[in-house]
Amino acid sequence: MGLLDQIQFRSRVTAPPDSIEVNDRNEFLVAWPGTLVVVPALRMRDSCACAECIEEGTGRKLLQTGAIPADIRALRIDPVGSYAIQIQWSDGHGSGIYSWDLLRRVCGLDGEGQSGG
């Protein structure tokens, strides 16, 4: 049995949101089919899952919520392929990739919005 025989591949792919915008209060407006979710910038920044913010080996959170500036804002949002976005933050951070699955969790929409693939 080879390595690839031991890996369980996901048969479902999380669909992207319909749109992502940032309003004048620095809140993310994430439109999913049938719902619009408002996510404060602080919560979005605090949800970064990159290696600087989350310890890779253990999953332990390294980023301290209190260390995030209260006035944090997104400077730029860029697509990453067809599966995620990357946000450049006003605190200088920008290495996190927010997959559609992570974004759904940040929006409080666990386990929904999947399509065959």
PDB file of N, CA and C in Angstrom:
ATOM      1  N   MET A   1       0.855  -1.175   0.000  1.00  0.00           N
ATOM      2  CA  MET A   1       0.000   0.000   0.000  1.00  0.00           C
ATOM      3  C   MET A   1       0.898   1.235   0.000  1.00  0.00           C
ATOM      4  N   GLY A   2       0.677   2.131  -0.956  1.00  0.00           N
ATOM      5  CA  GLY A   2       1.466   3.348  -1.056  1.00  0.00           C
ATOM      6  C   GLY A   2       0.905   4.469  -0.195  1.00  0.00           C
ATOM      7  N   LEU A   3       1.674   5.529  -0.076  1.00  0.00           N
ATOM      8  CA  LEU A   3       1.279   6.679   0.732  1.00  0.00           C
ATOM      9  C   LEU A   3      -0.063   7.251   0.290  1.00  0.00           C
ATOM     10  N   LEU A   4      -0.255   7.416  -1.009  1.00  0.00           N
ATOM     11  CA  LEU A   4      -1.501   7.999  -1.489  1.00  0.00           C
ATOM     12  C   LEU A   4      -2.710   7.119  -1.204  1.00  0.00           C
ATOM     13  N   ASP A   5      -2.491   5.816  -1.040  1.00  0.00           N
ATOM     14  CA  ASP A   5      -3.580   4.918  -0.679  1.00  0.00           C
ATOM     15  C   ASP A   5      -4.029   5.137   0.760  1.00  0.00           C
ATOM     16  N   GLN A   6      -3.162   5.713   1.581  1.00  0.00           N
ATOM     17  CA  GLN A   6      -3.459   5.918   2.995  1.00  0.00           C
ATOM     18  C   GLN A   6      -4.094   7.286   3.275  1.00  0.00           C
ATOM     19  N   ILE A   7      -4.049   8.172   2.311  1.00  0.00           N
ATOM     20  CA  ILE A   7      -4.579   9.522   2.500  1.00  0.00           C
ATOM     21  C   ILE A   7      -6.037   9.558   2.075  1.00  0.00           C
ATOM     22  N   GLN A   8      -6.862  10.173   2.905  1.00  0.00           N
ATOM     23  CA  GLN A   8      -8.264  10.350   2.558  1.00  0.00           C
ATOM     24  C   GLN A   8      -8.421  11.731   1.939  1.00  0.00           C
ATOM     25  N   PHE A   9      -8.746  11.773   0.678  1.00  0.00           N
ATOM     26  CA  PHE A   9      -8.927  13.029  -0.017  1.00  0.00           C
ATOM     27  C   PHE A   9     -10.343  13.532   0.207  1.00  0.00           C
ATOM     28  N   ARG A  10     -10.464  14.843   0.325  1.00  0.00           N
ATOM     29  CA  ARG A  10     -11.786  15.438   0.478  1.00  0.00           C
ATOM     30  C   ARG A  10     -12.536  15.305  -0.833  1.00  0.00           C
ATOM     31  N   SER A  11     -13.743  14.800  -0.749  1.00  0.00           N
ATOM     32  CA  SER A  11     -14.547  14.660  -1.954  1.00  0.00           C
ATOM     33  C   SER A  11     -15.417  15.894  -2.175  1.00  0.00           C
ATOM     34  N   ARG A  12     -15.438  16.777  -1.217  1.00  0.00           N
ATOM     35  CA  ARG A  12     -16.241  17.981  -1.331  1.00  0.00           C
ATOM     36  C   ARG A  12     -15.342  19.202  -1.176  1.00  0.00           C
ATOM     37  N   VAL A  13     -15.678  20.232  -1.926  1.00  0.00           N
ATOM     38  CA  VAL A  13     -14.922  21.472  -1.903  1.00  0.00           C
ATOM     39  C   VAL A  13     -15.863  22.581  -1.444  1.00  0.00           C
ATOM     40  N   THR A  14     -15.401  23.420  -0.540  1.00  0.00           N
ATOM     41  CA  THR A  14     -16.218  24.521  -0.060  1.00  0.00           C
ATOM     42  C   THR A  14     -16.353  25.571  -1.156  1.00  0.00           C
ATOM     43  N   ALA A  15     -17.571  25.938  -1.445  1.00  0.00           N
ATOM     44  CA  ALA A  15     -17.843  26.935  -2.481  1.00  0.00           C
ATOM     45  C   ALA A  15     -17.436  28.324  -1.977  1.00  0.00           C
ATOM     46  N   PRO A  16     -17.002  29.190  -2.875  1.00  0.00           N
ATOM     47  CA  PRO A  16     -16.611  30.542  -2.465  1.00  0.00           C
ATOM     48  C   PRO A  16     -17.825  31.391  -2.119  1.00  0.00           C
ATOM     49  N   PRO A  17     -17.595  32.474  -1.376  1.00  0.00           N
ATOM     50  CA  PRO A  17     -18.704  33.400  -1.131  1.00  0.00           C
ATOM     51  C   PRO A  17     -19.064  34.124  -2.422  1.00  0.00           C
ATOM     52  N   ASP A  18     -20.253  34.719  -2.432  1.00  0.00           N
ATOM     53  CA  ASP A  18     -20.674  35.495  -3.598  1.00  0.00           C
ATOM     54  C   ASP A  18     -19.883  36.796  -3.690  1.00  0.00           C
ATOM     55  N   SER A  19     -19.572  37.393  -2.536  1.00  0.00           N
ATOM     56  CA  SER A  19     -18.782  38.626  -2.522  1.00  0.00           C
ATOM     57  C   SER A  19     -18.180  38.845  -1.139  1.00  0.00           C
ATOM     58  N   ILE A  20     -17.100  39.623  -1.119  1.00  0.00           N
ATOM     59  CA  ILE A  20     -16.452  40.048   0.126  1.00  0.00           C
ATOM     60  C   ILE A  20     -16.151  41.531  -0.031  1.00  0.00           C
ATOM     61  N   GLU A  21     -16.652  42.319   0.890  1.00  0.00           N
ATOM     62  CA  GLU A  21     -16.401  43.756   0.883  1.00  0.00           C
ATOM     63  C   GLU A  21     -16.033  44.198   2.290  1.00  0.00           C
ATOM     64  N   VAL A  22     -15.438  45.381   2.395  1.00  0.00           N
ATOM     65  CA  VAL A  22     -15.130  45.975   3.693  1.00  0.00           C
ATOM     66  C   VAL A  22     -15.863  47.308   3.745  1.00  0.00           C
ATOM     67  N   ASN A  23     -16.648  47.521   4.811  1.00  0.00           N
ATOM     68  CA  ASN A  23     -17.398  48.770   4.921  1.00  0.00           C
ATOM     69  C   ASN A  23     -16.576  49.856   5.614  1.00  0.00           C
ATOM     70  N   ASP A  24     -17.168  51.011   5.817  1.00  0.00           N
ATOM     71  CA  ASP A  24     -16.448  52.145   6.401  1.00  0.00           C
ATOM     72  C   ASP A  24     -16.163  51.981   7.887  1.00  0.00           C
ATOM     73  N   ARG A  25     -16.722  50.933   8.510  1.00  0.00           N
ATOM     74  CA  ARG A  25     -16.412  50.622   9.917  1.00  0.00           C
ATOM     75  C   ARG A  25     -15.368  49.506  10.018  1.00  0.00           C
ATOM     76  N   ASN A  26     -14.733  49.196   8.874  1.00  0.00           N
ATOM     77  CA  ASN A  26     -13.712  48.149   8.790  1.00  0.00           C
ATOM     78  C   ASN A  26     -14.263  46.764   9.117  1.00  0.00           C
ATOM     79  N   GLU A  27     -15.524  46.542   8.806  1.00  0.00           N
ATOM     80  CA  GLU A  27     -16.137  45.232   8.972  1.00  0.00           C
ATOM     81  C   GLU A  27     -16.165  44.540   7.608  1.00  0.00           C
ATOM     82  N   PHE A  28     -15.976  43.246   7.637  1.00  0.00           N
ATOM     83  CA  PHE A  28     -16.068  42.455   6.416  1.00  0.00           C
ATOM     84  C   PHE A  28     -17.533  42.086   6.189  1.00  0.00           C
ATOM     85  N   LEU A  29     -18.023  42.334   5.003  1.00  0.00           N
ATOM     86  CA  LEU A  29     -19.368  41.934   4.599  1.00  0.00           C
ATOM     87  C   LEU A  29     -19.194  40.756   3.656  1.00  0.00           C
ATOM     88  N   VAL A  30     -19.484  39.570   4.159  1.00  0.00           N
ATOM     89  CA  VAL A  30     -19.266  38.349   3.386  1.00  0.00           C
ATOM     90  C   VAL A  30     -20.626  37.792   2.989  1.00  0.00           C
ATOM     91  N   ALA A  31     -20.892  37.803   1.696  1.00  0.00           N
ATOM     92  CA  ALA A  31     -22.165  37.313   1.168  1.00  0.00           C
ATOM     93  C   ALA A  31     -22.018  35.870   0.717  1.00  0.00           C
ATOM     94  N   TRP A  32     -22.743  34.989   1.380  1.00  0.00           N
ATOM     95  CA  TRP A  32     -22.835  33.585   0.994  1.00  0.00           C
ATOM     96  C   TRP A  32     -24.222  33.405   0.386  1.00  0.00           C
ATOM     97  N   PRO A  33     -24.443  32.385  -0.410  1.00  0.00           N
ATOM     98  CA  PRO A  33     -25.782  32.189  -0.967  1.00  0.00           C
ATOM     99  C   PRO A  33     -26.848  32.192   0.140  1.00  0.00           C
ATOM    100  N   GLY A  34     -27.744  33.163   0.067  1.00  0.00           N
ATOM    101  CA  GLY A  34     -28.846  33.235   1.027  1.00  0.00           C
ATOM    102  C   GLY A  34     -28.569  33.975   2.316  1.00  0.00           C
ATOM    103  N   THR A  35     -27.339  34.442   2.544  1.00  0.00           N
ATOM    104  CA  THR A  35     -27.055  35.133   3.801  1.00  0.00           C
ATOM    105  C   THR A  35     -25.895  36.100   3.655  1.00  0.00           C
ATOM    106  N   LEU A  36     -25.962  37.180   4.417  1.00  0.00           N
ATOM    107  CA  LEU A  36     -24.871  38.153   4.494  1.00  0.00           C
ATOM    108  C   LEU A  36     -24.368  38.150   5.922  1.00  0.00           C
ATOM    109  N   VAL A  37     -23.065  37.950   6.101  1.00  0.00           N
ATOM    110  CA  VAL A  37     -22.473  37.897   7.433  1.00  0.00           C
ATOM    111  C   VAL A  37     -21.529  39.089   7.596  1.00  0.00           C
ATOM    112  N   VAL A  38     -21.655  39.779   8.723  1.00  0.00           N
ATOM    113  CA  VAL A  38     -20.781  40.898   9.052  1.00  0.00           C
ATOM    114  C   VAL A  38     -19.742  40.395  10.051  1.00  0.00           C
ATOM    115  N   VAL A  39     -18.460  40.526   9.686  1.00  0.00           N
ATOM    116  CA  VAL A  39     -17.360  40.052  10.528  1.00  0.00           C
ATOM    117  C   VAL A  39     -16.476  41.243  10.887  1.00  0.00           C
ATOM    118  N   PRO A  40     -16.351  41.557  12.187  1.00  0.00           N
ATOM    119  CA  PRO A  40     -15.452  42.647  12.573  1.00  0.00           C
ATOM    120  C   PRO A  40     -14.013  42.337  12.155  1.00  0.00           C
ATOM    121  N   ALA A  41     -13.275  43.363  11.773  1.00  0.00           N
ATOM    122  CA  ALA A  41     -11.887  43.187  11.340  1.00  0.00           C
ATOM    123  C   ALA A  41     -11.054  42.510  12.428  1.00  0.00           C
ATOM    124  N   LEU A  42     -11.284  42.854  13.679  1.00  0.00           N
ATOM    125  CA  LEU A  42     -10.527  42.239  14.776  1.00  0.00           C
ATOM    126  C   LEU A  42     -10.736  40.727  14.800  1.00  0.00           C
ATOM    127  N   ARG A  43     -11.975  40.272  14.623  1.00  0.00           N
ATOM    128  CA  ARG A  43     -12.243  38.829  14.623  1.00  0.00           C
ATOM    129  C   ARG A  43     -11.583  38.158  13.417  1.00  0.00           C
ATOM    130  N   MET A  44     -11.634  38.823  12.254  1.00  0.00           N
ATOM    131  CA  MET A  44     -11.008  38.243  11.065  1.00  0.00           C
ATOM    132  C   MET A  44      -9.496  38.130  11.265  1.00  0.00           C
ATOM    133  N   ARG A  45      -8.871  39.176  11.764  1.00  0.00           N
ATOM    134  CA  ARG A  45      -7.414  39.152  12.002  1.00  0.00           C
ATOM    135  C   ARG A  45      -7.057  38.095  13.030  1.00  0.00           C
ATOM    136  N   ASP A  46      -7.869  37.986  14.086  1.00  0.00           N
ATOM    137  CA  ASP A  46      -7.627  37.023  15.160  1.00  0.00           C
ATOM    138  C   ASP A  46      -7.786  35.585  14.678  1.00  0.00           C
ATOM    139  N   SER A  47      -8.465  35.388  13.558  1.00  0.00           N
ATOM    140  CA  SER A  47      -8.710  34.050  13.016  1.00  0.00           C
ATOM    141  C   SER A  47      -7.640  33.591  12.041  1.00  0.00           C
ATOM    142  N   CYS A  48      -6.613  34.399  11.839  1.00  0.00           N
ATOM    143  CA  CYS A  48      -5.542  34.017  10.927  1.00  0.00           C
ATOM    144  C   CYS A  48      -4.934  32.686  11.366  1.00  0.00           C
ATOM    145  N   ALA A  49      -4.763  31.790  10.413  1.00  0.00           N
ATOM    146  CA  ALA A  49      -4.259  30.450  10.724  1.00  0.00           C
ATOM    147  C   ALA A  49      -2.856  30.196  10.168  1.00  0.00           C
ATOM    148  N   CYS A  50      -2.106  31.262   9.895  1.00  0.00           N
ATOM    149  CA  CYS A  50      -0.762  31.082   9.343  1.00  0.00           C
ATOM    150  C   CYS A  50       0.202  30.589  10.426  1.00  0.00           C
ATOM    151  N   ALA A  51       1.402  30.230  10.020  1.00  0.00           N
ATOM    152  CA  ALA A  51       2.397  29.687  10.945  1.00  0.00           C
ATOM    153  C   ALA A  51       2.884  30.715  11.963  1.00  0.00           C
ATOM    154  N   GLU A  52       2.731  32.008  11.681  1.00  0.00           N
ATOM    155  CA  GLU A  52       3.087  33.031  12.667  1.00  0.00           C
ATOM    156  C   GLU A  52       2.037  33.137  13.765  1.00  0.00           C
ATOM    157  N   CYS A  53       0.802  32.781  13.433  1.00  0.00           N
ATOM    158  CA  CYS A  53      -0.315  32.944  14.366  1.00  0.00           C
ATOM    159  C   CYS A  53      -0.734  31.648  15.045  1.00  0.00           C
ATOM    160  N   ILE A  54      -0.467  30.513  14.410  1.00  0.00           N
ATOM    161  CA  ILE A  54      -0.827  29.197  14.932  1.00  0.00           C
ATOM    162  C   ILE A  54       0.396  28.292  14.841  1.00  0.00           C
ATOM    163  N   GLU A  55       0.741  27.646  15.943  1.00  0.00           N
ATOM    164  CA  GLU A  55       1.875  26.716  15.932  1.00  0.00           C
ATOM    165  C   GLU A  55       1.517  25.511  15.066  1.00  0.00           C
ATOM    166  N   GLU A  56       2.333  25.284  14.038  1.00  0.00           N
ATOM    167  CA  GLU A  56       2.013  24.244  13.059  1.00  0.00           C
ATOM    168  C   GLU A  56       1.917  22.845  13.658  1.00  0.00           C
ATOM    169  N   GLY A  57       2.842  22.473  14.502  1.00  0.00           N
ATOM    170  CA  GLY A  57       2.868  21.112  15.029  1.00  0.00           C
ATOM    171  C   GLY A  57       1.740  20.787  15.984  1.00  0.00           C
ATOM    172  N   THR A  58       1.308  21.765  16.760  1.00  0.00           N
ATOM    173  CA  THR A  58       0.308  21.502  17.798  1.00  0.00           C
ATOM    174  C   THR A  58      -1.038  22.168  17.558  1.00  0.00           C
ATOM    175  N   GLY A  59      -1.068  23.198  16.702  1.00  0.00           N
ATOM    176  CA  GLY A  59      -2.297  23.940  16.498  1.00  0.00           C
ATOM    177  C   GLY A  59      -2.549  24.977  17.589  1.00  0.00           C
ATOM    178  N   ARG A  60      -1.573  25.146  18.478  1.00  0.00           N
ATOM    179  CA  ARG A  60      -1.713  26.107  19.578  1.00  0.00           C
ATOM    180  C   ARG A  60      -1.678  27.524  19.017  1.00  0.00           C
ATOM    181  N   LYS A  61      -2.581  28.356  19.502  1.00  0.00           N
ATOM    182  CA  LYS A  61      -2.640  29.735  19.040  1.00  0.00           C
ATOM    183  C   LYS A  61      -1.454  30.522  19.601  1.00  0.00           C
ATOM    184  N   LEU A  62      -0.712  31.179  18.723  1.00  0.00           N
ATOM    185  CA  LEU A  62       0.427  31.997  19.121  1.00  0.00           C
ATOM    186  C   LEU A  62       0.055  33.475  19.208  1.00  0.00           C
ATOM    187  N   LEU A  63      -0.847  33.896  18.331  1.00  0.00           N
ATOM    188  CA  LEU A  63      -1.279  35.290  18.304  1.00  0.00           C
ATOM    189  C   LEU A  63      -2.134  35.586  19.534  1.00  0.00           C
ATOM    190  N   GLN A  64      -1.758  36.598  20.286  1.00  0.00           N
ATOM    191  CA  GLN A  64      -2.541  37.022  21.435  1.00  0.00           C
ATOM    192  C   GLN A  64      -3.552  38.066  20.970  1.00  0.00           C
ATOM    193  N   THR A  65      -4.819  37.806  21.198  1.00  0.00           N
ATOM    194  CA  THR A  65      -5.874  38.712  20.753  1.00  0.00           C
ATOM    195  C   THR A  65      -5.622  40.135  21.240  1.00  0.00           C
ATOM    196  N   GLY A  66      -5.151  40.285  22.464  1.00  0.00           N
ATOM    197  CA  GLY A  66      -4.893  41.608  23.030  1.00  0.00           C
ATOM    198  C   GLY A  66      -3.780  42.362  22.326  1.00  0.00           C
ATOM    199  N   ALA A  67      -2.963  41.664  21.553  1.00  0.00           N
ATOM    200  CA  ALA A  67      -1.866  42.311  20.835  1.00  0.00           C
ATOM    201  C   ALA A  67      -2.318  42.910  19.500  1.00  0.00           C
ATOM    202  N   ILE A  68      -3.535  42.603  19.103  1.00  0.00           N
ATOM    203  CA  ILE A  68      -4.059  43.138  17.848  1.00  0.00           C
ATOM    204  C   ILE A  68      -4.560  44.556  18.112  1.00  0.00           C
ATOM    205  N   PRO A  69      -4.111  45.536  17.332  1.00  0.00           N
ATOM    206  CA  PRO A  69      -4.592  46.908  17.535  1.00  0.00           C
ATOM    207  C   PRO A  69      -6.117  46.992  17.385  1.00  0.00           C
ATOM    208  N   ALA A  70      -6.754  47.752  18.255  1.00  0.00           N
ATOM    209  CA  ALA A  70      -8.216  47.887  18.221  1.00  0.00           C
ATOM    210  C   ALA A  70      -8.693  48.471  16.896  1.00  0.00           C
ATOM    211  N   ASP A  71      -7.842  49.268  16.251  1.00  0.00           N
ATOM    212  CA  ASP A  71      -8.230  49.906  14.989  1.00  0.00           C
ATOM    213  C   ASP A  71      -7.712  49.146  13.766  1.00  0.00           C
ATOM    214  N   ILE A  72      -7.472  47.842  13.918  1.00  0.00           N
ATOM    215  CA  ILE A  72      -6.969  47.009  12.813  1.00  0.00           C
ATOM    216  C   ILE A  72      -7.903  47.131  11.607  1.00  0.00           C
ATOM    217  N   ARG A  73      -7.303  47.158  10.430  1.00  0.00           N
ATOM    218  CA  ARG A  73      -8.112  47.225   9.215  1.00  0.00           C
ATOM    219  C   ARG A  73      -7.386  46.508   8.080  1.00  0.00           C
ATOM    220  N   ALA A  74      -8.164  46.063   7.138  1.00  0.00           N
ATOM    221  CA  ALA A  74      -7.609  45.425   5.951  1.00  0.00           C
ATOM    222  C   ALA A  74      -7.153  46.509   4.986  1.00  0.00           C
ATOM    223  N   LEU A  75      -5.906  46.414   4.545  1.00  0.00           N
ATOM    224  CA  LEU A  75      -5.387  47.352   3.551  1.00  0.00           C
ATOM    225  C   LEU A  75      -5.635  46.851   2.143  1.00  0.00           C
ATOM    226  N   ARG A  76      -5.613  45.514   1.998  1.00  0.00           N
ATOM    227  CA  ARG A  76      -5.764  44.909   0.674  1.00  0.00           C
ATOM    228  C   ARG A  76      -6.262  43.478   0.845  1.00  0.00           C
ATOM    229  N   ILE A  77      -7.105  43.045  -0.062  1.00  0.00           N
ATOM    230  CA  ILE A  77      -7.584  41.663  -0.086  1.00  0.00           C
ATOM    231  C   ILE A  77      -7.295  41.120  -1.478  1.00  0.00           C
ATOM    232  N   ASP A  78      -6.527  40.037  -1.530  1.00  0.00           N
ATOM    233  CA  ASP A  78      -6.144  39.443  -2.806  1.00  0.00           C
ATOM    234  C   ASP A  78      -6.652  38.012  -2.901  1.00  0.00           C
ATOM    235  N   PRO A  79      -7.078  37.592  -4.104  1.00  0.00           N
ATOM    236  CA  PRO A  79      -7.464  36.193  -4.278  1.00  0.00           C
ATOM    237  C   PRO A  79      -6.233  35.293  -4.255  1.00  0.00           C
ATOM    238  N   VAL A  80      -6.425  34.082  -3.773  1.00  0.00           N
ATOM    239  CA  VAL A  80      -5.381  33.049  -3.816  1.00  0.00           C
ATOM    240  C   VAL A  80      -5.987  31.892  -4.599  1.00  0.00           C
ATOM    241  N   GLY A  81      -5.587  31.781  -5.837  1.00  0.00           N
ATOM    242  CA  GLY A  81      -6.180  30.764  -6.696  1.00  0.00           C
ATOM    243  C   GLY A  81      -7.683  30.907  -6.716  1.00  0.00           C
ATOM    244  N   SER A  82      -8.372  29.784  -6.661  1.00  0.00           N
ATOM    245  CA  SER A  82      -9.836  29.807  -6.620  1.00  0.00           C
ATOM    246  C   SER A  82     -10.353  29.268  -5.292  1.00  0.00           C
ATOM    247  N   TYR A  83      -9.468  29.269  -4.258  1.00  0.00           N
ATOM    248  CA  TYR A  83      -9.840  28.613  -3.003  1.00  0.00           C
ATOM    249  C   TYR A  83      -9.704  29.482  -1.757  1.00  0.00           C
ATOM    250  N   ALA A  84      -9.226  30.730  -1.886  1.00  0.00           N
ATOM    251  CA  ALA A  84      -8.958  31.499  -0.672  1.00  0.00           C
ATOM    252  C   ALA A  84      -8.718  32.974  -0.993  1.00  0.00           C
ATOM    253  N   ILE A  85      -8.562  33.744   0.090  1.00  0.00           N
ATOM    254  CA  ILE A  85      -8.104  35.127  -0.011  1.00  0.00           C
ATOM    255  C   ILE A  85      -6.918  35.313   0.925  1.00  0.00           C
ATOM    256  N   GLN A  86      -6.128  36.336   0.643  1.00  0.00           N
ATOM    257  CA  GLN A  86      -5.031  36.727   1.525  1.00  0.00           C
ATOM    258  C   GLN A  86      -5.253  38.204   1.839  1.00  0.00           C
ATOM    259  N   ILE A  87      -5.128  38.564   3.117  1.00  0.00           N
ATOM    260  CA  ILE A  87      -5.407  39.921   3.561  1.00  0.00           C
ATOM    261  C   ILE A  87      -4.122  40.568   4.056  1.00  0.00           C
ATOM    262  N   GLN A  88      -3.849  41.761   3.559  1.00  0.00           N
ATOM    263  CA  GLN A  88      -2.746  42.567   4.078  1.00  0.00           C
ATOM    264  C   GLN A  88      -3.352  43.482   5.135  1.00  0.00           C
ATOM    265  N   TRP A  89      -2.838  43.381   6.365  1.00  0.00           N
ATOM    266  CA  TRP A  89      -3.408  44.095   7.505  1.00  0.00           C
ATOM    267  C   TRP A  89      -2.614  45.344   7.846  1.00  0.00           C
ATOM    268  N   SER A  90      -3.271  46.281   8.511  1.00  0.00           N
ATOM    269  CA  SER A  90      -2.636  47.540   8.910  1.00  0.00           C
ATOM    270  C   SER A  90      -1.563  47.354   9.979  1.00  0.00           C
ATOM    271  N   ASP A  91      -1.516  46.188  10.636  1.00  0.00           N
ATOM    272  CA  ASP A  91      -0.454  45.924  11.615  1.00  0.00           C
ATOM    273  C   ASP A  91       0.788  45.313  10.960  1.00  0.00           C
ATOM    274  N   GLY A  92       0.795  45.235   9.620  1.00  0.00           N
ATOM    275  CA  GLY A  92       1.943  44.717   8.891  1.00  0.00           C
ATOM    276  C   GLY A  92       1.864  43.241   8.574  1.00  0.00           C
ATOM    277  N   HIS A  93       0.881  42.544   9.118  1.00  0.00           N
ATOM    278  CA  HIS A  93       0.746  41.110   8.873  1.00  0.00           C
ATOM    279  C   HIS A  93       0.090  40.881   7.518  1.00  0.00           C
ATOM    280  N   GLY A  94       0.508  39.820   6.839  1.00  0.00           N
ATOM    281  CA  GLY A  94      -0.094  39.549   5.539  1.00  0.00           C
ATOM    282  C   GLY A  94       0.163  38.160   5.022  1.00  0.00           C
ATOM    283  N   SER A  95       0.636  37.245   5.850  1.00  0.00           N
ATOM    284  CA  SER A  95       0.986  35.910   5.360  1.00  0.00           C
ATOM    285  C   SER A  95      -0.145  34.889   5.488  1.00  0.00           C
ATOM    286  N   GLY A  96      -1.225  35.255   6.129  1.00  0.00           N
ATOM    287  CA  GLY A  96      -2.316  34.302   6.324  1.00  0.00           C
ATOM    288  C   GLY A  96      -3.153  34.102   5.080  1.00  0.00           C
ATOM    289  N   ILE A  97      -3.567  32.869   4.860  1.00  0.00           N
ATOM    290  CA  ILE A  97      -4.458  32.527   3.763  1.00  0.00           C
ATOM    291  C   ILE A  97      -5.777  32.070   4.377  1.00  0.00           C
ATOM    292  N   TYR A  98      -6.838  32.740   3.994  1.00  0.00           N
ATOM    293  CA  TYR A  98      -8.172  32.431   4.496  1.00  0.00           C
ATOM    294  C   TYR A  98      -8.898  31.614   3.430  1.00  0.00           C
ATOM    295  N   SER A  99      -8.860  30.289   3.584  1.00  0.00           N
ATOM    296  CA  SER A  99      -9.561  29.411   2.641  1.00  0.00           C
ATOM    297  C   SER A  99     -11.060  29.645   2.790  1.00  0.00           C
ATOM    298  N   TRP A 100     -11.831  29.196   1.797  1.00  0.00           N
ATOM    299  CA  TRP A 100     -13.284  29.361   1.898  1.00  0.00           C
ATOM    300  C   TRP A 100     -13.808  28.623   3.118  1.00  0.00           C
ATOM    301  N   ASP A 101     -13.231  27.478   3.430  1.00  0.00           N
ATOM    302  CA  ASP A 101     -13.651  26.710   4.605  1.00  0.00           C
ATOM    303  C   ASP A 101     -13.384  27.501   5.888  1.00  0.00           C
ATOM    304  N   LEU A 102     -12.182  28.073   6.024  1.00  0.00           N
ATOM    305  CA  LEU A 102     -11.863  28.887   7.195  1.00  0.00           C
ATOM    306  C   LEU A 102     -12.786  30.098   7.256  1.00  0.00           C
ATOM    307  N   LEU A 103     -13.010  30.738   6.131  1.00  0.00           N
ATOM    308  CA  LEU A 103     -13.865  31.916   6.099  1.00  0.00           C
ATOM    309  C   LEU A 103     -15.287  31.572   6.549  1.00  0.00           C
ATOM    310  N   ARG A 104     -15.790  30.425   6.140  1.00  0.00           N
ATOM    311  CA  ARG A 104     -17.126  29.998   6.600  1.00  0.00           C
ATOM    312  C   ARG A 104     -17.136  29.815   8.112  1.00  0.00           C
ATOM    313  N   ARG A 105     -16.070  29.238   8.671  1.00  0.00           N
ATOM    314  CA  ARG A 105     -16.008  29.056  10.126  1.00  0.00           C
ATOM    315  C   ARG A 105     -15.963  30.402  10.841  1.00  0.00           C
ATOM    316  N   VAL A 106     -15.173  31.338  10.313  1.00  0.00           N
ATOM    317  CA  VAL A 106     -15.105  32.684  10.905  1.00  0.00           C
ATOM    318  C   VAL A 106     -16.488  33.338  10.865  1.00  0.00           C
ATOM    319  N   CYS A 107     -17.238  33.049   9.818  1.00  0.00           N
ATOM    320  CA  CYS A 107     -18.588  33.602   9.662  1.00  0.00           C
ATOM    321  C   CYS A 107     -19.636  32.847  10.483  1.00  0.00           C
ATOM    322  N   GLY A 108     -19.216  31.773  11.155  1.00  0.00           N
ATOM    323  CA  GLY A 108     -20.153  30.986  11.952  1.00  0.00           C
ATOM    324  C   GLY A 108     -21.016  30.054  11.122  1.00  0.00           C
ATOM    325  N   LEU A 109     -20.509  29.613   9.975  1.00  0.00           N
ATOM    326  CA  LEU A 109     -21.286  28.773   9.051  1.00  0.00           C
ATOM    327  C   LEU A 109     -20.631  27.415   8.855  1.00  0.00           C
ATOM    328  N   ASP A 110     -20.221  26.762   9.910  1.00  0.00           N
ATOM    329  CA  ASP A 110     -19.558  25.458   9.814  1.00  0.00           C
ATOM    330  C   ASP A 110     -20.376  24.451   9.023  1.00  0.00           C
ATOM    331  N   GLY A 111     -19.661  23.683   8.201  1.00  0.00           N
ATOM    332  CA  GLY A 111     -20.230  22.510   7.559  1.00  0.00           C
ATOM    333  C   GLY A 111     -21.256  22.768   6.483  1.00  0.00           C
ATOM    334  N   GLU A 112     -21.341  23.965   5.977  1.00  0.00           N
ATOM    335  CA  GLU A 112     -22.323  24.259   4.945  1.00  0.00           C
ATOM    336  C   GLU A 112     -21.623  24.732   3.682  1.00  0.00           C
ATOM    337  N   GLY A 113     -22.378  24.876   2.625  1.00  0.00           N
ATOM    338  CA  GLY A 113     -21.860  25.480   1.418  1.00  0.00           C
ATOM    339  C   GLY A 113     -20.871  24.634   0.653  1.00  0.00           C
ATOM    340  N   GLN A 114     -20.992  23.323   0.739  1.00  0.00           N
ATOM    341  CA  GLN A 114     -20.058  22.472   0.004  1.00  0.00           C
ATOM    342  C   GLN A 114     -20.676  22.031  -1.309  1.00  0.00           C
ATOM    343  N   SER A 115     -19.808  21.866  -2.286  1.00  0.00           N
ATOM    344  CA  SER A 115     -20.239  21.380  -3.593  1.00  0.00           C
ATOM    345  C   SER A 115     -19.399  20.181  -3.961  1.00  0.00           C
ATOM    346  N   GLY A 116     -19.913  19.348  -4.805  1.00  0.00           N
ATOM    347  CA  GLY A 116     -19.148  18.185  -5.241  1.00  0.00           C
ATOM    348  C   GLY A 116     -17.900  18.591  -5.982  1.00  0.00           C
ATOM    349  N   GLY A 117     -16.859  17.778  -5.922  1.00  0.00           N
ATOM    350  CA  GLY A 117     -15.646  18.160  -6.632  1.00  0.00           C
ATOM    351  C   GLY A 117     -14.522  17.241  -6.393  1.00  0.00           C
TER     352      GLY A 117
END
